């Protein structure tokens, strides 16, 4: 089924088209949700809520840009709304958090470096993790993040700097990286 046929079918509320859309994009969107969630169950809940929004807002897709990008944006906004709803974004901890909450040695030994970094990001406090994901991975500006999260631009910058420092410390402590300047170029400010 072509993307356009699938979209048209979903607009007609055809369950086969809806299932096809979900099957095609859910495996790509679950990792997006997982980066914002504290655990897999929360990520799956965010994913389901996001797809409900996709189906109810599909009529607003103008066909400009990639359909997958449109879905991704809905997923990111859904994740942020869930975090705000449960007041999880307000969590902000100091760098000592790295000592208390870290990835187990067994899981570190079994993961590739990319997965190790993502797992360490997932272990960050919710506020730090959210800003880091939005800025470094999704490409939002600090102004856009401020508007999304209802915080100031400077708060976004501060949260990002703290998240980056905390992440670097955890990755160095776990011996996942040795030199953040060269190994984490994508985190550059």
C-alpha atoms as a PDB file:
ATOM      1  CA  UNK A   1       0.000   0.000   0.000  1.00  0.00           C
ATOM      2  CA  UNK A   2       1.455   3.383  -0.946  1.00  0.00           C
ATOM      3  CA  UNK A   3       1.814   6.106   1.653  1.00  0.00           C
ATOM      4  CA  UNK A   4      -0.828   8.239  -0.052  1.00  0.00           C
ATOM      5  CA  UNK A   5      -3.288   5.313  -0.251  1.00  0.00           C
ATOM      6  CA  UNK A   6      -2.654   4.532   3.410  1.00  0.00           C
ATOM      7  CA  UNK A   7      -3.300   8.164   4.409  1.00  0.00           C
ATOM      8  CA  UNK A   8      -6.482   8.322   2.330  1.00  0.00           C
ATOM      9  CA  UNK A   9      -7.674   5.039   3.862  1.00  0.00           C
ATOM     10  CA  UNK A  10      -7.002   6.349   7.368  1.00  0.00           C
ATOM     11  CA  UNK A  11      -8.941   9.510   6.576  1.00  0.00           C
ATOM     12  CA  UNK A  12     -11.884   7.245   5.659  1.00  0.00           C
ATOM     13  CA  UNK A  13     -11.333   5.454   9.018  1.00  0.00           C
ATOM     14  CA  UNK A  14     -10.452   2.206   7.251  1.00  0.00           C
ATOM     15  CA  UNK A  15      -9.108  -0.101   9.960  1.00  0.00           C
ATOM     16  CA  UNK A  16      -6.786  -1.964   7.546  1.00  0.00           C
ATOM     17  CA  UNK A  17      -5.134   1.327   6.542  1.00  0.00           C
ATOM     18  CA  UNK A  18      -4.861   2.382  10.189  1.00  0.00           C
ATOM     19  CA  UNK A  19      -3.235  -0.927  11.092  1.00  0.00           C
ATOM     20  CA  UNK A  20      -0.831  -0.566   8.158  1.00  0.00           C
ATOM     21  CA  UNK A  21       0.140   2.968   9.220  1.00  0.00           C
ATOM     22  CA  UNK A  22       0.681   1.852  12.806  1.00  0.00           C
ATOM     23  CA  UNK A  23       2.733  -1.188  11.742  1.00  0.00           C
ATOM     24  CA  UNK A  24       4.859   0.873   9.396  1.00  0.00           C
ATOM     25  CA  UNK A  25       5.714   3.673  11.828  1.00  0.00           C
ATOM     26  CA  UNK A  26       5.379   2.323  15.385  1.00  0.00           C
ATOM     27  CA  UNK A  27       8.796   0.635  15.374  1.00  0.00           C
ATOM     28  CA  UNK A  28      10.379   3.936  14.284  1.00  0.00           C
ATOM     29  CA  UNK A  29       8.482   6.034  16.828  1.00  0.00           C
ATOM     30  CA  UNK A  30       8.897   3.817  19.904  1.00  0.00           C
ATOM     31  CA  UNK A  31      12.589   4.749  20.263  1.00  0.00           C
ATOM     32  CA  UNK A  32      11.588   8.433  20.052  1.00  0.00           C
ATOM     33  CA  UNK A  33       9.134   7.920  22.927  1.00  0.00           C
ATOM     34  CA  UNK A  34      11.626   5.809  24.857  1.00  0.00           C
ATOM     35  CA  UNK A  35      14.140   8.664  24.889  1.00  0.00           C
ATOM     36  CA  UNK A  36      11.615  10.774  26.821  1.00  0.00           C
ATOM     37  CA  UNK A  37      10.100   8.038  28.998  1.00  0.00           C
ATOM     38  CA  UNK A  38      11.515   6.601  32.176  1.00  0.00           C
ATOM     39  CA  UNK A  39      10.796   3.027  31.147  1.00  0.00           C
ATOM     40  CA  UNK A  40       9.442   0.929  28.286  1.00  0.00           C
ATOM     41  CA  UNK A  41       5.878   0.829  29.623  1.00  0.00           C
ATOM     42  CA  UNK A  42       5.701   4.629  29.753  1.00  0.00           C
ATOM     43  CA  UNK A  43       7.200   4.796  26.249  1.00  0.00           C
ATOM     44  CA  UNK A  44       4.545   2.404  24.946  1.00  0.00           C
ATOM     45  CA  UNK A  45       1.812   4.498  26.588  1.00  0.00           C
ATOM     46  CA  UNK A  46       3.257   7.637  24.960  1.00  0.00           C
ATOM     47  CA  UNK A  47       3.371   5.817  21.630  1.00  0.00           C
ATOM     48  CA  UNK A  48      -0.293   4.796  21.875  1.00  0.00           C
ATOM     49  CA  UNK A  49      -1.358   8.292  22.872  1.00  0.00           C
ATOM     50  CA  UNK A  50       0.720   9.698  20.020  1.00  0.00           C
ATOM     51  CA  UNK A  51      -0.916   7.441  17.449  1.00  0.00           C
ATOM     52  CA  UNK A  52      -4.345   8.424  18.686  1.00  0.00           C
ATOM     53  CA  UNK A  53      -3.327  12.025  17.932  1.00  0.00           C
ATOM     54  CA  UNK A  54      -1.925  10.998  14.553  1.00  0.00           C
ATOM     55  CA  UNK A  55      -5.255   9.441  13.580  1.00  0.00           C
ATOM     56  CA  UNK A  56      -7.368  12.298  14.935  1.00  0.00           C
ATOM     57  CA  UNK A  57      -5.161  15.008  13.394  1.00  0.00           C
ATOM     58  CA  UNK A  58      -4.387  13.289  10.091  1.00  0.00           C
ATOM     59  CA  UNK A  59      -6.669  15.674   8.244  1.00  0.00           C
ATOM     60  CA  UNK A  60      -4.212  18.491   9.112  1.00  0.00           C
ATOM     61  CA  UNK A  61      -1.297  16.846   7.275  1.00  0.00           C
ATOM     62  CA  UNK A  62      -0.800  19.138   4.287  1.00  0.00           C
ATOM     63  CA  UNK A  63       1.586  16.873   2.398  1.00  0.00           C
ATOM     64  CA  UNK A  64       4.422  19.375   2.789  1.00  0.00           C
ATOM     65  CA  UNK A  65       7.492  17.640   4.086  1.00  0.00           C
ATOM     66  CA  UNK A  66       7.907  14.025   5.039  1.00  0.00           C
ATOM     67  CA  UNK A  67       4.963  12.190   6.545  1.00  0.00           C
ATOM     68  CA  UNK A  68       7.313  10.400   8.937  1.00  0.00           C
ATOM     69  CA  UNK A  69       8.614  13.775  10.124  1.00  0.00           C
ATOM     70  CA  UNK A  70       5.055  14.935  10.744  1.00  0.00           C
ATOM     71  CA  UNK A  71       4.367  11.821  12.830  1.00  0.00           C
ATOM     72  CA  UNK A  72       7.660  12.270  14.716  1.00  0.00           C
ATOM     73  CA  UNK A  73       6.739  15.839  15.626  1.00  0.00           C
ATOM     74  CA  UNK A  74       3.389  14.649  17.010  1.00  0.00           C
ATOM     75  CA  UNK A  75       5.188  11.958  19.046  1.00  0.00           C
ATOM     76  CA  UNK A  76       7.651  14.471  20.508  1.00  0.00           C
ATOM     77  CA  UNK A  77       4.827  16.861  21.450  1.00  0.00           C
ATOM     78  CA  UNK A  78       2.849  13.981  22.944  1.00  0.00           C
ATOM     79  CA  UNK A  79       5.823  12.907  25.070  1.00  0.00           C
ATOM     80  CA  UNK A  80       6.329  16.456  26.319  1.00  0.00           C
ATOM     81  CA  UNK A  81       2.631  16.821  27.127  1.00  0.00           C
ATOM     82  CA  UNK A  82       2.668  13.550  29.079  1.00  0.00           C
ATOM     83  CA  UNK A  83       5.709  14.706  31.066  1.00  0.00           C
ATOM     84  CA  UNK A  84       4.096  18.085  31.780  1.00  0.00           C
ATOM     85  CA  UNK A  85       0.803  16.416  32.720  1.00  0.00           C
ATOM     86  CA  UNK A  86       2.546  14.284  35.319  1.00  0.00           C
ATOM     87  CA  UNK A  87       4.770  17.198  36.368  1.00  0.00           C
ATOM     88  CA  UNK A  88       7.846  15.094  35.671  1.00  0.00           C
ATOM     89  CA  UNK A  89       9.652  17.826  33.792  1.00  0.00           C
ATOM     90  CA  UNK A  90      10.226  19.786  36.969  1.00  0.00           C
ATOM     91  CA  UNK A  91      12.652  17.143  38.220  1.00  0.00           C
ATOM     92  CA  UNK A  92      16.100  18.669  38.368  1.00  0.00           C
ATOM     93  CA  UNK A  93      18.942  17.061  40.227  1.00  0.00           C
ATOM     94  CA  UNK A  94      22.579  17.900  40.742  1.00  0.00           C
ATOM     95  CA  UNK A  95      25.570  16.152  39.267  1.00  0.00           C
ATOM     96  CA  UNK A  96      25.716  13.851  42.275  1.00  0.00           C
ATOM     97  CA  UNK A  97      22.788  12.051  40.629  1.00  0.00           C
ATOM     98  CA  UNK A  98      25.316  10.213  38.474  1.00  0.00           C
ATOM     99  CA  UNK A  99      26.632   8.446  41.548  1.00  0.00           C
ATOM    100  CA  UNK A 100      23.176   7.246  42.602  1.00  0.00           C
ATOM    101  CA  UNK A 101      21.560   6.203  39.330  1.00  0.00           C
ATOM    102  CA  UNK A 102      23.744   4.526  36.767  1.00  0.00           C
ATOM    103  CA  UNK A 103      23.677   1.738  34.240  1.00  0.00           C
ATOM    104  CA  UNK A 104      24.587  -1.660  35.654  1.00  0.00           C
ATOM    105  CA  UNK A 105      27.952  -3.136  34.690  1.00  0.00           C
ATOM    106  CA  UNK A 106      26.222  -6.187  33.190  1.00  0.00           C
ATOM    107  CA  UNK A 107      24.131  -4.125  30.796  1.00  0.00           C
ATOM    108  CA  UNK A 108      27.105  -1.932  29.847  1.00  0.00           C
ATOM    109  CA  UNK A 109      29.143  -4.984  28.899  1.00  0.00           C
ATOM    110  CA  UNK A 110      26.390  -6.255  26.610  1.00  0.00           C
ATOM    111  CA  UNK A 111      25.574  -3.017  24.729  1.00  0.00           C
ATOM    112  CA  UNK A 112      27.218  -1.324  21.777  1.00  0.00           C
ATOM    113  CA  UNK A 113      28.475   2.243  22.340  1.00  0.00           C
ATOM    114  CA  UNK A 114      25.496   3.919  20.645  1.00  0.00           C
ATOM    115  CA  UNK A 115      23.061   1.969  22.769  1.00  0.00           C
ATOM    116  CA  UNK A 116      25.182   2.713  25.822  1.00  0.00           C
ATOM    117  CA  UNK A 117      24.950   6.429  25.211  1.00  0.00           C
ATOM    118  CA  UNK A 118      21.171   6.263  24.652  1.00  0.00           C
ATOM    119  CA  UNK A 119      20.730   4.216  27.817  1.00  0.00           C
ATOM    120  CA  UNK A 120      22.746   6.739  29.799  1.00  0.00           C
ATOM    121  CA  UNK A 121      20.618   9.545  28.332  1.00  0.00           C
ATOM    122  CA  UNK A 122      17.512   7.654  29.435  1.00  0.00           C
ATOM    123  CA  UNK A 123      18.923   7.526  32.971  1.00  0.00           C
ATOM    124  CA  UNK A 124      19.170  11.328  33.213  1.00  0.00           C
ATOM    125  CA  UNK A 125      16.587  13.209  35.267  1.00  0.00           C
ATOM    126  CA  UNK A 126      13.487  13.904  33.176  1.00  0.00           C
ATOM    127  CA  UNK A 127      14.088  17.633  32.735  1.00  0.00           C
ATOM    128  CA  UNK A 128      17.679  17.173  31.618  1.00  0.00           C
ATOM    129  CA  UNK A 129      16.778  14.250  29.347  1.00  0.00           C
ATOM    130  CA  UNK A 130      13.944  16.175  27.712  1.00  0.00           C
ATOM    131  CA  UNK A 131      15.998  19.271  26.914  1.00  0.00           C
ATOM    132  CA  UNK A 132      18.948  17.168  25.706  1.00  0.00           C
ATOM    133  CA  UNK A 133      16.680  15.165  23.395  1.00  0.00           C
ATOM    134  CA  UNK A 134      14.946  18.245  22.026  1.00  0.00           C
ATOM    135  CA  UNK A 135      18.145  20.226  21.442  1.00  0.00           C
ATOM    136  CA  UNK A 136      20.828  17.682  20.515  1.00  0.00           C
ATOM    137  CA  UNK A 137      18.724  14.988  18.846  1.00  0.00           C
ATOM    138  CA  UNK A 138      15.545  16.653  17.549  1.00  0.00           C
ATOM    139  CA  UNK A 139      17.251  19.939  16.600  1.00  0.00           C
ATOM    140  CA  UNK A 140      14.960  22.387  18.384  1.00  0.00           C
ATOM    141  CA  UNK A 141      16.374  25.792  19.374  1.00  0.00           C
ATOM    142  CA  UNK A 142      16.436  26.849  23.022  1.00  0.00           C
ATOM    143  CA  UNK A 143      13.716  29.379  22.218  1.00  0.00           C
ATOM    144  CA  UNK A 144      11.498  26.624  20.750  1.00  0.00           C
ATOM    145  CA  UNK A 145      12.242  24.370  23.735  1.00  0.00           C
ATOM    146  CA  UNK A 146      11.323  27.180  26.092  1.00  0.00           C
ATOM    147  CA  UNK A 147       7.987  27.616  24.344  1.00  0.00           C
ATOM    148  CA  UNK A 148       7.264  23.876  24.281  1.00  0.00           C
ATOM    149  CA  UNK A 149       8.139  23.302  27.911  1.00  0.00           C
ATOM    150  CA  UNK A 150       6.916  26.673  29.165  1.00  0.00           C
ATOM    151  CA  UNK A 151      10.334  27.610  30.516  1.00  0.00           C
ATOM    152  CA  UNK A 152      12.730  30.426  29.680  1.00  0.00           C
ATOM    153  CA  UNK A 153      15.393  30.192  26.978  1.00  0.00           C
ATOM    154  CA  UNK A 154      18.074  30.542  29.642  1.00  0.00           C
ATOM    155  CA  UNK A 155      16.543  27.691  31.646  1.00  0.00           C
ATOM    156  CA  UNK A 156      16.676  25.517  28.544  1.00  0.00           C
ATOM    157  CA  UNK A 157      20.346  26.406  28.001  1.00  0.00           C
ATOM    158  CA  UNK A 158      21.133  25.739  31.651  1.00  0.00           C
ATOM    159  CA  UNK A 159      19.313  22.383  31.648  1.00  0.00           C
ATOM    160  CA  UNK A 160      21.141  21.401  28.450  1.00  0.00           C
ATOM    161  CA  UNK A 161      24.548  22.343  29.870  1.00  0.00           C
ATOM    162  CA  UNK A 162      23.861  20.401  33.055  1.00  0.00           C
ATOM    163  CA  UNK A 163      22.531  17.408  31.093  1.00  0.00           C
ATOM    164  CA  UNK A 164      25.591  17.391  28.861  1.00  0.00           C
ATOM    165  CA  UNK A 165      27.960  17.585  31.841  1.00  0.00           C
ATOM    166  CA  UNK A 166      26.098  14.870  33.722  1.00  0.00           C
ATOM    167  CA  UNK A 167      26.007  12.623  30.658  1.00  0.00           C
ATOM    168  CA  UNK A 168      29.719  13.104  30.013  1.00  0.00           C
ATOM    169  CA  UNK A 169      30.527  12.285  33.655  1.00  0.00           C
ATOM    170  CA  UNK A 170      28.431   9.117  33.585  1.00  0.00           C
ATOM    171  CA  UNK A 171      29.934   7.991  30.265  1.00  0.00           C
ATOM    172  CA  UNK A 172      33.482   8.616  31.486  1.00  0.00           C
ATOM    173  CA  UNK A 173      32.814   6.919  34.835  1.00  0.00           C
ATOM    174  CA  UNK A 174      31.405   3.867  33.060  1.00  0.00           C
ATOM    175  CA  UNK A 175      34.384   3.941  30.683  1.00  0.00           C
ATOM    176  CA  UNK A 176      32.099   4.172  27.692  1.00  0.00           C
ATOM    177  CA  UNK A 177      34.041   7.179  26.436  1.00  0.00           C
ATOM    178  CA  UNK A 178      37.419   8.699  27.268  1.00  0.00           C
ATOM    179  CA  UNK A 179      37.303  12.082  25.519  1.00  0.00           C
ATOM    180  CA  UNK A 180      33.875  13.742  25.327  1.00  0.00           C
ATOM    181  CA  UNK A 181      35.178  16.501  23.034  1.00  0.00           C
ATOM    182  CA  UNK A 182      35.897  14.032  20.239  1.00  0.00           C
ATOM    183  CA  UNK A 183      33.480  11.213  21.008  1.00  0.00           C
ATOM    184  CA  UNK A 184      30.359  13.305  21.651  1.00  0.00           C
ATOM    185  CA  UNK A 185      30.632  15.887  18.855  1.00  0.00           C
ATOM    186  CA  UNK A 186      26.853  15.802  18.370  1.00  0.00           C
ATOM    187  CA  UNK A 187      26.465  17.317  21.855  1.00  0.00           C
ATOM    188  CA  UNK A 188      28.485  20.412  20.969  1.00  0.00           C
ATOM    189  CA  UNK A 189      26.723  23.601  21.990  1.00  0.00           C
END
